[in-house]
Each structure stands twice: as C-alpha cells, then as structure tokens.
Amino acid sequence: MKLFLLVVYFAVLVGIGLYCRKHATDVNGFVLGGRSVGPWLTAFAYGTSYFSAVVFVGYAGQFGWKYGVSATWAGIGNAVIGSLLAWAVLGRRTRIMTQHLDSATMPQFFGERFGSKPLKIGASVIIFVFLIPYTASLYNGLSRLFGMAFDIDYSVCILLMAVLTAIYVIAGGYMATAINDFIQGIIMLVGICVVIAAVLKSKGGFMVAMDGLARVSDETVASTPGVFASFLGPDPLNLLFVVILTSLGTWGLPQMVQKFYAIKNEEAIKKGTVISTAFALVVAGGCYFLGGFGRLFSDQIDVAANGFDSIIPTMLSGLSPLLISLVVILVLSASMSTLSSLVLASSSTLTIDFLKELFFQKMSEKKQVLAIRVLVVAFIAVSSVLALIQYKSNVTFIAQLMGVSWGALAGAFLAPFLYALYSKKVTKASCWACFLFGSLLMVANIFFRESFPVIMQSPINCGAIAMLAGLVIVPAVSLVTPKPDKKLVDEAFACYEMTAEAPKRTTLGR
C-alpha cells in the first residue's frame, strides 16, 4: 500500500511536468509562468517553498524540544510576518516594478533598478554560493523517515527525489512547479492535521498531553515547573530570534520573492494573501505545535546521541502503517516543492544574471531556456552529492554552511529589496554594504563562532541580527553616499504613477 501510494504520487508529478511543457518555451514562460499565475497556485507555491522537511523534521523537533508548546509562536510568526505582511508589503509593488523593469530574477531587479551590472553579478554570486548548501539540506529530513517506513537506504531516497524533481522542473518550468506545489500543499495541509490528531491521541488526548508536558522538568533548561507547557516557554528571547529569522527571512529570499513576480493581477494578490496566511498558520503552526510535545517521548529519544532530527521520527514511529505512509508523502511533498523552487531560482539567476551578462550577451531565448534546464540538472546533482557526502562522512562544515544559508541570503537582500521598492533615495553603495555585511557576517559565524558575542554564536540569532541590521545599514549608508541618478530612479518609479483601468470588483477607484 505504501509503495503504491508513492508510485501514484510520483506519476502525477511527472505527468503534470510533461503537460506544462507548452508554458515553458521562452524565459518568461519557463521562469515566471508568463506572469499569469492565479492566487491559489501562487499562494500554495509560496507556502510549499517556505516549509520543507527542514521545518517539519529539523526545526519542529529542535525548537519544540527547547521551548515546548511555546514553539508554536514560530508558526504564528511565519503566518503573520512571513506570509500576511510579506504579501501586503511586497506583493503588489514587486509585481508592478519587476514587470516594468522587465526583470525575472532578484539580481536582475537590482541591476535594472540601480543601473548597475556589478550589483547584478554580485547578487547572483551570493545566491549561487548560498542556495546550493540550502538545497542540500532539504534531503536531510527524509533519511530517518524513509528508513523507518520503507527500510530504504538514504542514498536511494536522495536519488529518487532528485531525479523526479528534475524531470518535472525541466519539462514544465515554473508552471509545472506551481501546479505540483498546489497538490503537494493539499497533502501537507491534510497530513499535518491528521498527524497531530494521531500523536495527541496516542498520549491520551490534548488535555492529558498538556498535563503530561507540564510535569516535565529539565534543570539544564529551566527550574520553573511546567515551563514547557507555558505561554512563552523557558527562553523567550531566543524564541524571539527564531521567530524573526524564520518569519522575516522570507522577505529577502530570492525563491520566495520571485513568487510575486509571476502572480496574475490585483485580485489574485488579495486572495493570495489570505490563502497563503491560512496555509502557513495550519502547516507551520501545526509543525511547531506538534514538536512542542516531543519531551513526552523522552524515554524513547536520545538527543545527545541521535540529534534533534530524531525527535519527530520517533514521535511518529508508533503510528499505523497508513499514517506513516501519509507522513512520508507529506515530508517528501514539502521537500520536493522547496527543492524545485530553489533550483529554478538558482539556475535562472546563474543563466540570466551571470552567464548571459558576462559571457554570452547575445544568447537567444531558446538558448537561455536550454541553459536553465541544464543548470537545473547541475544544481540538483551538486546538492545531491553534498547531501551524500554529509551523510556518508559526517562532514560538519557542510551542515554548518546549510544552517547559515537562510541568514546570509535574507541578511544580504531583505533591506535593499524592500527599500528599493519604496524609496527613491536608496543608493548602490548601500546595497553593496548590506550584501557584504549579511553574507560575510554569516560566513564569519561558521569559522569564528566562539569569538562572537554569546547572543550571536547561534547561527539563528546571528542571521536574525543580520536582517535587522540591514534595515539600518541601507538608509544610513544612503545618507552619506552619492545620490542615485534622478532620471534612472524616476523611470523605475514611473510604474506606480501609470493609469490603469479596472472593473469595480477589483478596485475602489473612480
């Protein structure tokens, strides 16, 4: 039964990829789906790219163990800050300005917005460096679950996931990814609700589970009785940094922001905001809430020996075979949707913003699409090899680099992208300052972590601080560096002044 469900699932994904080939004949179609993607597909593509096995297996287990049910605040923050506010603040302006500037990637946006090829190339290098290890991390959450459910070697899991993702992304591009994300999103919504209900039932129900959690004590974490069942948990400050990194970080991640480039119209943005927020509340809130009960299984878990990644699989190991199958497909869906989004963002950026800009200025549309497809294969292959190296030889350097990828990307891009959409005063120098500060700070955190202040030794805290610092660095540097070219800026912002006719159902205008 388990293998049958997997075969059906894989067949559907590949079939959709082949069906969407007609949408992937040029760069605009392959990378952005022709900028005509509706609210449901865009919202689910955003949500499924946001939440992967890293969240379900890694973060939910780790933070649930550390903070108890208060870890649910991370999921709430993901919904309110990472989805609702992200769509409200970035969605509409991103869609309008990126189309006006004819940019399909984040580096291309920076290049056109500031009239700077070096800025464009610099952004593409940062994306190339940090997205590959982030991509490799997606495989990690699958190893224990596949081993538990199917007794399949981790190497086979990696190969299977990589090949299937490559097939449907190469065939159908963004549109195939968006449609598959919708299907995978439905699986994630149903799966997380069923799994939470089953796990709580195994511990006597919600109230009994909460009572049991209130009786858990760990003197190494906190001496307060019942702290793991409390509102703010044992460590509110570090929990706040988790909320900031995992929520505000989406505002600066290329694969997340790119979803706004492709959305269809004004009405789709409004609907997508609601759908995306609800999706995040259920999936992210559910994952962290589930992880909060991990200490009820402490008699079966040895975190010191097996790490935080063993917590969620151990919690699920007692479920029925059918529910375990659902969990495996849930985590596989989460990982494949994020993987497809990352490799599409990476390959399109490297082709459009790096290779074409530096070496093949006259590259035709057809050759660009071919190059993107080839690079999709390359990115998936490299990330698969990195995942295998880490698994086989336990190379900790790779694992550390994966951990800082999110902080480096968001720390480098969040503030420059946000301010560039709203302010005419942002300078190229301020963008460079933020690019360098965010990326170099996180690299330094890998090699010189013990030299950092205590609060910044955690990559999570360091990444959150990098993002918040960028919000100060960009306006501060813009004040003391040469003003941007007025004609260039006015041209970029002219898109917001254009008159557009629309029916009353989509606008309140006269």
Protein backbone atom coordinates (compact mmCIF):
# COMPACT_ATOMS: atom_id res chain seq x y z
CA MET A 1 0.00 0.00 0.00
CA LYS A 2 2.81 2.41 0.93
CA LEU A 3 4.72 1.79 -2.29
CA PHE A 4 1.52 2.04 -4.33
CA LEU A 5 0.76 5.49 -2.90
CA LEU A 6 4.30 6.65 -3.68
CA VAL A 7 4.14 5.37 -7.27
CA VAL A 8 0.81 7.15 -7.86
CA TYR A 9 2.18 10.33 -6.32
CA PHE A 10 5.32 10.28 -8.48
CA ALA A 11 3.32 9.53 -11.63
CA VAL A 12 1.09 12.56 -11.05
CA LEU A 13 4.09 14.88 -10.56
CA VAL A 14 5.81 13.72 -13.74
CA GLY A 15 2.55 13.85 -15.71
CA ILE A 16 1.98 17.47 -14.71
CA GLY A 17 5.53 18.36 -15.72
CA LEU A 18 5.01 16.91 -19.18
CA TYR A 19 1.59 18.57 -19.50
CA CYS A 20 3.07 22.02 -18.76
CA ARG A 21 5.71 21.89 -21.50
CA LYS A 22 3.67 24.34 -23.59
CA HIS A 23 4.18 27.04 -20.92
CA ALA A 24 7.97 26.66 -20.92
CA THR A 25 9.03 27.69 -24.41
CA ASP A 26 10.66 31.04 -23.52
CA VAL A 27 12.38 32.57 -20.49
CA ASN A 28 9.28 34.42 -19.27
CA GLY A 29 7.19 31.26 -19.51
CA PHE A 30 9.80 28.91 -18.04
CA VAL A 31 10.84 31.13 -15.11
CA LEU A 32 7.61 33.03 -14.35
CA GLY A 33 4.80 31.07 -16.00
CA GLY A 34 4.06 34.04 -18.28
CA ARG A 35 3.23 36.23 -15.24
CA SER A 36 -0.29 34.80 -15.32
CA VAL A 37 -0.40 32.51 -12.29
CA GLY A 38 -3.57 32.71 -10.20
CA PRO A 39 -3.95 33.26 -6.42
CA TRP A 40 -4.35 29.63 -5.33
CA LEU A 41 -1.34 28.36 -7.27
CA THR A 42 0.83 31.30 -6.21
CA ALA A 43 -0.19 31.11 -2.54
CA PHE A 44 0.44 27.37 -2.38
CA ALA A 45 3.72 27.74 -4.30
CA TYR A 46 4.78 30.36 -1.74
CA GLY A 47 3.77 28.18 1.20
CA THR A 48 5.27 24.93 -0.02
CA SER A 49 8.53 26.69 -0.93
CA TYR A 50 8.54 28.14 2.60
CA PHE A 51 8.08 24.90 4.53
CA SER A 52 10.16 21.81 3.84
CA ALA A 53 11.47 18.76 5.68
CA VAL A 54 13.90 21.16 7.39
CA VAL A 55 10.90 22.71 9.18
CA PHE A 56 8.86 19.55 9.76
CA VAL A 57 11.66 17.26 10.93
CA GLY A 58 14.51 19.59 11.95
CA TYR A 59 13.15 22.87 13.26
CA ALA A 60 9.90 21.47 14.72
CA GLY A 61 11.82 18.82 16.63
CA GLN A 62 14.64 21.09 17.75
CA PHE A 63 12.60 24.11 18.83
CA GLY A 64 9.75 22.02 20.21
CA TRP A 65 12.27 20.24 22.44
CA LYS A 66 13.87 23.51 23.56
CA TYR A 67 10.77 25.66 24.03
CA GLY A 68 7.83 23.26 24.45
CA VAL A 69 4.43 24.33 23.06
CA SER A 70 5.59 27.97 23.04
CA ALA A 71 7.47 26.99 19.86
CA THR A 72 4.06 27.43 18.21
CA TRP A 73 4.86 31.17 18.23
CA ALA A 74 7.35 30.46 15.42
CA GLY A 75 4.50 29.08 13.30
CA ILE A 76 2.27 32.03 14.14
CA GLY A 77 5.11 34.39 13.24
CA ASN A 78 5.57 32.54 9.93
CA ALA A 79 1.88 33.13 9.16
CA VAL A 80 1.62 36.78 10.27
CA ILE A 81 5.08 38.16 9.38
CA GLY A 82 6.36 35.65 6.83
CA SER A 83 3.11 35.41 4.87
CA LEU A 84 0.47 38.08 5.67
CA LEU A 85 2.82 41.06 5.99
CA ALA A 86 5.15 39.81 3.25
CA TRP A 87 2.28 39.69 0.77
CA ALA A 88 0.82 43.01 1.96
CA VAL A 89 4.12 44.92 1.92
CA LEU A 90 5.96 43.30 -1.00
CA GLY A 91 3.39 41.58 -3.21
CA ARG A 92 1.82 44.36 -5.22
CA ARG A 93 4.86 46.62 -5.56
CA THR A 94 7.12 43.70 -6.51
CA ARG A 95 4.73 42.57 -9.24
CA ILE A 96 4.40 46.08 -10.72
CA MET A 97 8.06 47.19 -10.62
CA THR A 98 9.59 43.89 -11.74
CA GLN A 99 7.33 43.81 -14.80
CA HIS A 100 8.10 47.46 -15.52
CA LEU A 101 11.84 46.78 -15.31
CA ASP A 102 11.44 43.52 -17.24
CA SER A 103 13.27 41.57 -14.54
CA ALA A 104 12.71 37.85 -13.96
CA THR A 105 15.14 37.34 -11.05
CA MET A 106 16.20 39.25 -7.94
CA PRO A 107 19.72 40.08 -9.24
CA GLN A 108 18.17 41.31 -12.50
CA PHE A 109 15.89 43.56 -10.45
CA PHE A 110 18.87 45.08 -8.61
CA GLY A 111 20.74 45.54 -11.88
CA GLU A 112 17.86 47.36 -13.60
CA ARG A 113 16.65 49.29 -10.56
CA PHE A 114 20.12 50.76 -9.85
CA GLY A 115 21.56 50.64 -13.38
CA SER A 116 24.47 48.52 -12.19
CA LYS A 117 25.79 45.34 -13.81
CA PRO A 118 28.29 44.73 -10.97
CA LEU A 119 25.41 44.84 -8.45
CA LYS A 120 23.53 42.33 -10.55
CA ILE A 121 26.52 39.99 -10.78
CA GLY A 122 27.33 40.37 -7.08
CA ALA A 123 23.78 39.38 -6.11
CA SER A 124 23.90 36.36 -8.42
CA VAL A 125 27.18 35.18 -6.85
CA ILE A 126 25.70 35.37 -3.33
CA ILE A 127 22.67 33.36 -4.48
CA PHE A 128 24.87 30.78 -6.18
CA VAL A 129 27.08 30.34 -3.11
CA PHE A 130 24.33 30.04 -0.51
CA LEU A 131 21.45 28.34 -2.30
CA ILE A 132 23.33 25.12 -3.08
CA PRO A 133 24.01 24.18 0.58
CA TYR A 134 20.46 25.27 1.45
CA THR A 135 19.23 22.94 -1.31
CA ALA A 136 21.35 20.07 0.03
CA SER A 137 19.79 20.45 3.48
CA LEU A 138 16.37 19.52 2.11
CA TYR A 139 17.36 15.88 1.81
CA ASN A 140 18.32 15.57 5.47
CA GLY A 141 14.82 15.30 6.89
CA LEU A 142 13.96 12.37 4.63
CA SER A 143 16.60 9.87 5.69
CA ARG A 144 15.14 8.78 9.03
CA LEU A 145 11.52 8.80 7.81
CA PHE A 146 12.24 6.70 4.72
CA GLY A 147 14.33 4.32 6.79
CA MET A 148 11.51 3.99 9.33
CA ALA A 149 8.76 3.46 6.75
CA PHE A 150 10.44 1.51 3.95
CA ASP A 151 13.84 0.41 5.22
CA ILE A 152 15.34 2.07 2.12
CA ASP A 153 18.92 3.34 2.05
CA TYR A 154 19.23 7.12 2.28
CA SER A 155 21.21 7.23 -0.98
CA VAL A 156 18.25 5.75 -2.85
CA CYS A 157 15.93 8.36 -1.30
CA ILE A 158 18.19 11.18 -2.48
CA LEU A 159 18.46 9.77 -5.99
CA LEU A 160 14.71 9.23 -6.28
CA MET A 161 13.82 12.71 -5.07
CA ALA A 162 16.46 14.39 -7.24
CA VAL A 163 15.51 12.58 -10.47
CA LEU A 164 11.76 13.14 -10.13
CA THR A 165 12.14 16.82 -9.24
CA ALA A 166 14.48 17.33 -12.19
CA ILE A 167 12.03 15.71 -14.61
CA TYR A 168 9.04 17.91 -13.85
CA VAL A 169 11.01 21.15 -13.44
CA ILE A 170 12.95 20.64 -16.69
CA ALA A 171 9.81 19.71 -18.60
CA GLY A 172 7.34 22.32 -17.34
CA GLY A 173 9.31 25.05 -15.59
CA TYR A 174 7.54 27.37 -13.16
CA MET A 175 4.01 26.40 -14.16
CA ALA A 176 4.67 22.70 -13.53
CA THR A 177 6.26 23.63 -10.21
CA ALA A 178 3.26 25.78 -9.23
CA ILE A 179 0.66 23.12 -10.09
CA ASN A 180 2.63 20.41 -8.32
CA ASP A 181 3.08 22.74 -5.34
CA PHE A 182 -0.71 23.04 -5.16
CA ILE A 183 -1.11 19.26 -4.97
CA GLN A 184 1.76 18.96 -2.52
CA GLY A 185 0.26 21.75 -0.43
CA ILE A 186 -3.05 19.92 -0.08
CA ILE A 187 -1.16 16.82 1.07
CA MET A 188 0.71 18.93 3.63
CA LEU A 189 -2.49 20.53 4.98
CA VAL A 190 -4.32 17.23 5.38
CA GLY A 191 -1.24 15.38 6.59
CA ILE A 192 -0.26 17.75 9.39
CA CYS A 193 -3.81 17.85 10.80
CA VAL A 194 -4.13 14.05 10.78
CA VAL A 195 -0.67 13.52 12.28
CA ILE A 196 -1.25 15.99 15.15
CA ALA A 197 -4.55 14.32 16.00
CA ALA A 198 -2.96 10.85 15.92
CA VAL A 199 0.06 11.79 18.06
CA LEU A 200 -2.05 13.55 20.69
CA LYS A 201 -4.46 10.62 20.75
CA SER A 202 -1.55 8.27 21.42
CA LYS A 203 -0.84 10.29 24.57
CA GLY A 204 -4.43 10.34 25.80
CA GLY A 205 -5.71 13.44 24.03
CA PHE A 206 -4.85 17.14 24.10
CA MET A 207 -5.59 17.86 27.77
CA VAL A 208 -3.80 14.75 29.03
CA ALA A 209 -0.80 15.53 26.78
CA MET A 210 -0.65 19.12 28.06
CA ASP A 211 -0.84 17.88 31.65
CA GLY A 212 2.00 15.44 30.96
CA LEU A 213 4.09 18.18 29.37
CA ALA A 214 3.50 20.44 32.38
CA ARG A 215 5.02 17.75 34.58
CA VAL A 216 8.23 17.55 32.53
CA SER A 217 11.24 19.27 34.08
CA ASP A 218 14.77 19.85 32.86
CA GLU A 219 17.04 21.69 35.26
CA THR A 220 19.59 22.34 32.49
CA VAL A 221 16.99 24.45 30.66
CA ALA A 222 14.83 25.99 33.40
CA SER A 223 13.93 25.36 37.02
CA THR A 224 10.36 26.64 36.68
CA PRO A 225 7.75 23.86 36.98
CA GLY A 226 5.53 23.39 33.93
CA VAL A 227 7.64 25.72 31.78
CA PHE A 228 7.38 23.55 28.64
CA ALA A 229 3.58 23.90 28.68
CA SER A 230 3.69 27.66 29.32
CA PHE A 231 2.79 30.59 27.08
CA LEU A 232 6.34 31.88 26.44
CA GLY A 233 8.37 28.80 27.35
CA PRO A 234 11.77 28.63 29.07
CA ASP A 235 13.68 31.05 26.83
CA PRO A 236 11.53 33.85 25.30
CA LEU A 237 14.49 35.88 23.98
CA ASN A 238 15.99 33.11 21.86
CA LEU A 239 12.49 32.10 20.79
CA LEU A 240 12.04 35.67 19.52
CA PHE A 241 15.16 35.31 17.36
CA VAL A 242 13.75 32.08 15.92
CA VAL A 243 10.53 33.91 15.03
CA ILE A 244 12.44 36.75 13.38
CA LEU A 245 14.75 34.52 11.32
CA THR A 246 12.08 32.09 10.11
CA SER A 247 9.43 34.79 9.53
CA LEU A 248 11.12 38.00 8.39
CA GLY A 249 13.68 35.99 6.41
CA THR A 250 11.20 35.20 3.64
CA TRP A 251 11.18 38.87 2.66
CA GLY A 252 14.72 38.56 1.34
CA LEU A 253 14.88 35.02 -0.07
CA PRO A 254 15.05 35.01 -3.90
CA GLN A 255 12.95 31.86 -4.32
CA MET A 256 10.17 33.35 -2.14
CA VAL A 257 10.07 36.89 -3.52
CA GLN A 258 10.08 35.52 -7.07
CA LYS A 259 6.57 34.16 -6.49
CA PHE A 260 5.28 37.75 -6.52
CA TYR A 261 6.82 38.33 -9.97
CA ALA A 262 4.51 35.74 -11.50
CA ILE A 263 1.12 36.49 -9.96
CA LYS A 264 -1.67 37.38 -12.36
CA ASN A 265 -3.40 40.57 -11.16
CA GLU A 266 -4.56 42.76 -8.27
CA GLU A 267 -7.41 40.50 -7.25
CA ALA A 268 -5.08 37.49 -7.24
CA ILE A 269 -2.76 39.29 -4.80
CA LYS A 270 -5.62 39.98 -2.38
CA LYS A 271 -6.87 36.40 -2.46
CA GLY A 272 -3.35 35.01 -2.37
CA THR A 273 -2.61 36.97 0.81
CA VAL A 274 -5.46 35.29 2.67
CA ILE A 275 -4.78 31.81 1.28
CA SER A 276 -1.04 31.98 1.98
CA THR A 277 -1.57 33.18 5.55
CA ALA A 278 -4.09 30.41 6.30
CA PHE A 279 -1.76 27.81 4.77
CA ALA A 280 1.17 28.97 6.91
CA LEU A 281 -0.94 29.04 10.06
CA VAL A 282 -2.01 25.42 9.60
CA VAL A 283 1.25 23.95 8.29
CA ALA A 284 3.88 25.93 10.20
CA GLY A 285 1.76 26.39 13.31
CA GLY A 286 0.92 22.69 13.22
CA CYS A 287 4.54 21.57 12.79
CA TYR A 288 5.88 23.61 15.71
CA PHE A 289 2.87 22.74 17.87
CA LEU A 290 3.48 19.04 17.21
CA GLY A 291 7.19 19.40 18.00
CA GLY A 292 6.29 21.02 21.32
CA PHE A 293 5.15 17.62 22.65
CA GLY A 294 8.49 15.94 21.85
CA ARG A 295 9.51 15.68 25.51
CA LEU A 296 6.59 13.33 26.17
CA PHE A 297 8.63 10.80 24.19
CA SER A 298 11.89 11.43 26.06
CA ASP A 299 12.02 7.80 27.22
CA GLN A 300 12.42 6.80 23.54
CA ILE A 301 14.69 9.66 22.40
CA ASP A 302 18.41 10.17 22.97
CA VAL A 303 19.02 13.69 21.67
CA ALA A 304 22.67 13.67 22.74
CA ALA A 305 23.37 10.56 20.64
CA ASN A 306 20.98 10.96 17.70
CA GLY A 307 20.43 14.72 17.45
CA PHE A 308 17.26 16.79 17.19
CA ASP A 309 16.37 15.26 13.82
CA SER A 310 15.47 12.02 15.63
CA ILE A 311 12.66 13.62 17.67
CA ILE A 312 9.83 13.87 15.11
CA PRO A 313 10.51 10.44 13.50
CA THR A 314 10.46 8.86 16.98
CA MET A 315 7.15 10.58 17.77
CA LEU A 316 5.67 9.17 14.56
CA SER A 317 7.15 5.67 14.73
CA GLY A 318 4.19 4.28 16.69
CA LEU A 319 1.56 5.35 14.14
CA SER A 320 -0.26 2.94 11.83
CA PRO A 321 1.40 1.97 8.51
CA LEU A 322 -1.15 4.05 6.60
CA LEU A 323 -0.44 7.17 8.68
CA ILE A 324 3.31 6.65 8.35
CA SER A 325 2.82 6.50 4.57
CA LEU A 326 0.95 9.79 4.75
CA VAL A 327 3.77 11.35 6.79
CA VAL A 328 6.41 10.18 4.32
CA ILE A 329 4.47 11.65 1.39
CA LEU A 330 3.88 14.83 3.43
CA VAL A 331 7.60 15.33 4.09
CA LEU A 332 8.50 14.29 0.55
CA SER A 333 5.99 16.84 -0.80
CA ALA A 334 7.40 19.58 1.42
CA SER A 335 10.96 18.83 0.35
CA MET A 336 10.34 18.40 -3.38
CA SER A 337 8.31 21.61 -3.61
CA THR A 338 11.06 23.61 -1.90
CA LEU A 339 13.76 21.85 -3.92
CA SER A 340 12.06 22.68 -7.23
CA SER A 341 11.70 26.33 -6.20
CA LEU A 342 15.34 26.61 -5.15
CA VAL A 343 16.85 25.00 -8.25
CA LEU A 344 14.63 27.08 -10.54
CA ALA A 345 15.71 30.28 -8.76
CA SER A 346 19.38 29.22 -8.81
CA SER A 347 19.53 28.12 -12.44
CA SER A 348 17.60 31.11 -13.80
CA THR A 349 19.78 33.53 -11.82
CA LEU A 350 23.04 31.93 -12.96
CA THR A 351 21.90 31.90 -16.60
CA ILE A 352 20.28 35.35 -16.88
CA ASP A 353 22.39 37.35 -14.44
CA PHE A 354 25.79 35.71 -14.67
CA LEU A 355 26.47 33.70 -17.84
CA LYS A 356 24.47 35.92 -20.20
CA GLU A 357 25.73 39.11 -18.59
CA LEU A 358 29.44 38.21 -18.60
CA PHE A 359 29.98 35.71 -21.40
CA PHE A 360 27.03 35.34 -23.77
CA GLN A 361 25.42 38.75 -24.19
CA LYS A 362 23.70 37.69 -27.43
CA MET A 363 22.27 34.44 -26.05
CA SER A 364 18.85 33.80 -27.63
CA GLU A 365 15.67 32.99 -25.69
CA LYS A 366 15.86 29.37 -26.81
CA LYS A 367 19.46 29.01 -25.66
CA GLN A 368 18.68 30.68 -22.34
CA VAL A 369 15.89 28.19 -21.64
CA LEU A 370 18.23 25.34 -22.61
CA ALA A 371 20.93 26.70 -20.29
CA ILE A 372 18.47 26.99 -17.41
CA ARG A 373 17.39 23.38 -17.94
CA VAL A 374 20.98 22.17 -17.99
CA LEU A 375 21.73 24.11 -14.81
CA VAL A 376 18.65 22.64 -13.11
CA VAL A 377 20.28 19.25 -13.58
CA ALA A 378 23.63 20.59 -12.38
CA PHE A 379 22.22 22.20 -9.23
CA ILE A 380 20.23 19.11 -8.29
CA ALA A 381 23.29 16.90 -8.93
CA VAL A 382 25.63 19.06 -6.82
CA SER A 383 23.16 19.35 -3.94
CA SER A 384 22.61 15.58 -4.04
CA VAL A 385 26.36 14.94 -3.87
CA LEU A 386 26.71 17.35 -0.93
CA ALA A 387 23.88 15.57 0.89
CA LEU A 388 25.53 12.19 0.28
CA ILE A 389 28.94 13.45 1.41
CA GLN A 390 27.46 14.76 4.64
CA TYR A 391 25.56 11.52 5.23
CA LYS A 392 28.45 9.16 4.45
CA SER A 393 31.33 11.01 6.09
CA ASN A 394 29.52 13.29 8.55
CA VAL A 395 31.27 16.44 7.28
CA THR A 396 30.17 19.08 9.80
CA PHE A 397 31.35 22.00 7.64
CA ILE A 398 28.60 21.37 5.11
CA ALA A 399 25.98 21.14 7.84
CA GLN A 400 27.13 24.48 9.27
CA LEU A 401 27.03 26.13 5.87
CA MET A 402 23.46 24.90 5.39
CA GLY A 403 22.49 26.44 8.70
CA VAL A 404 23.72 29.93 7.78
CA SER A 405 22.36 30.00 4.21
CA TRP A 406 18.99 31.43 5.19
CA GLY A 407 20.53 34.14 7.34
CA ALA A 408 23.12 35.08 4.71
CA LEU A 409 20.61 35.40 1.85
CA ALA A 410 18.00 37.29 3.83
CA GLY A 411 20.62 39.39 5.60
CA ALA A 412 22.09 40.44 2.25
CA PHE A 413 18.88 41.04 0.26
CA LEU A 414 15.96 41.84 2.55
CA ALA A 415 16.68 45.50 3.29
CA PRO A 416 17.97 46.53 -0.18
CA PHE A 417 15.00 44.88 -1.90
CA LEU A 418 12.41 46.34 0.49
CA TYR A 419 13.79 49.88 0.39
CA ALA A 420 14.29 49.76 -3.41
CA LEU A 421 10.55 49.16 -3.85
CA TYR A 422 9.55 52.12 -1.68
CA SER A 423 12.32 54.72 -1.58
CA LYS A 424 13.96 56.81 -4.31
CA LYS A 425 16.89 57.64 -2.02
CA VAL A 426 18.48 54.18 -1.83
CA THR A 427 22.00 54.12 -3.31
CA LYS A 428 24.11 51.41 -4.94
CA ALA A 429 26.67 51.78 -2.17
CA SER A 430 24.05 50.95 0.48
CA CYS A 431 23.12 47.79 -1.42
CA TRP A 432 26.77 46.71 -1.57
CA ALA A 433 27.19 47.46 2.14
CA CYS A 434 24.22 45.23 3.01
CA PHE A 435 25.26 42.48 0.57
CA LEU A 436 28.72 42.30 2.12
CA PHE A 437 27.63 42.70 5.74
CA GLY A 438 24.95 39.97 5.62
CA SER A 439 26.93 37.37 3.70
CA LEU A 440 30.33 37.94 5.37
CA LEU A 441 28.83 38.04 8.87
CA MET A 442 27.28 34.60 8.38
CA VAL A 443 30.47 33.16 6.84
CA ALA A 444 32.43 34.53 9.80
CA ASN A 445 29.91 32.84 12.09
CA ILE A 446 30.97 29.48 10.66
CA PHE A 447 34.71 29.91 11.19
CA PHE A 448 34.95 32.24 14.19
CA ARG A 449 31.75 31.47 16.09
CA GLU A 450 33.41 31.30 19.52
CA SER A 451 34.77 34.83 19.06
CA PHE A 452 31.27 36.28 18.59
CA PRO A 453 29.26 37.74 21.49
CA VAL A 454 27.34 34.96 23.26
CA ILE A 455 24.00 36.04 21.85
CA MET A 456 25.35 35.87 18.27
CA GLN A 457 27.09 32.50 18.50
CA SER A 458 23.89 30.79 17.43
CA PRO A 459 23.55 30.95 13.60
CA ILE A 460 19.83 31.60 14.10
CA ASN A 461 20.39 34.63 16.31
CA CYS A 462 23.21 35.84 14.06
CA GLY A 463 21.01 35.57 10.97
CA ALA A 464 18.16 37.46 12.64
CA ILE A 465 20.56 40.23 13.70
CA ALA A 466 21.97 40.41 10.14
CA MET A 467 18.48 41.02 8.76
CA LEU A 468 17.58 43.65 11.35
CA ALA A 469 20.95 45.38 10.93
CA GLY A 470 20.35 45.63 7.19
CA LEU A 471 17.23 47.70 7.83
CA VAL A 472 19.52 50.28 9.49
CA ILE A 473 22.55 49.93 7.21
CA VAL A 474 20.75 50.72 3.93
CA PRO A 475 19.22 54.10 4.94
CA ALA A 476 22.34 55.05 6.94
CA VAL A 477 24.76 54.41 4.07
CA SER A 478 22.35 56.03 1.59
CA LEU A 479 22.55 59.26 3.61
CA VAL A 480 26.34 59.56 3.30
CA THR A 481 26.93 58.25 -0.24
CA PRO A 482 26.31 59.93 -3.63
CA LYS A 483 22.65 60.24 -4.54
CA PRO A 484 21.30 57.91 -7.23
CA ASP A 485 20.71 59.17 -10.76
CA LYS A 486 17.37 61.03 -10.66
CA LYS A 487 16.35 60.09 -14.18
CA LEU A 488 17.00 56.40 -13.55
CA VAL A 489 15.05 56.42 -10.28
CA ASP A 490 12.12 58.40 -11.71
CA GLU A 491 11.91 55.94 -14.59
CA ALA A 492 11.80 53.00 -12.18
CA PHE A 493 9.08 54.57 -10.03
CA ALA A 494 7.04 55.75 -13.02
CA CYS A 495 5.30 52.37 -12.99
CA TYR A 496 3.41 53.36 -9.82
CA GLU A 497 2.05 56.51 -11.47
CA MET A 498 0.67 54.87 -14.59
CA THR A 499 -3.08 54.91 -15.05
CA ALA A 500 -4.78 51.54 -15.32
CA GLU A 501 -8.45 50.88 -15.96
CA ALA A 502 -10.05 48.13 -13.90
CA PRO A 503 -13.58 46.88 -13.10
CA LYS A 504 -15.16 47.91 -9.81
CA ARG A 505 -14.79 44.38 -8.39
CA THR A 506 -11.00 44.74 -8.30
CA THR A 507 -10.55 48.40 -7.34
CA LEU A 508 -12.25 51.22 -5.43
CA GLY A 509 -11.03 53.84 -7.87
CA ARG A 510 -13.43 56.12 -9.70
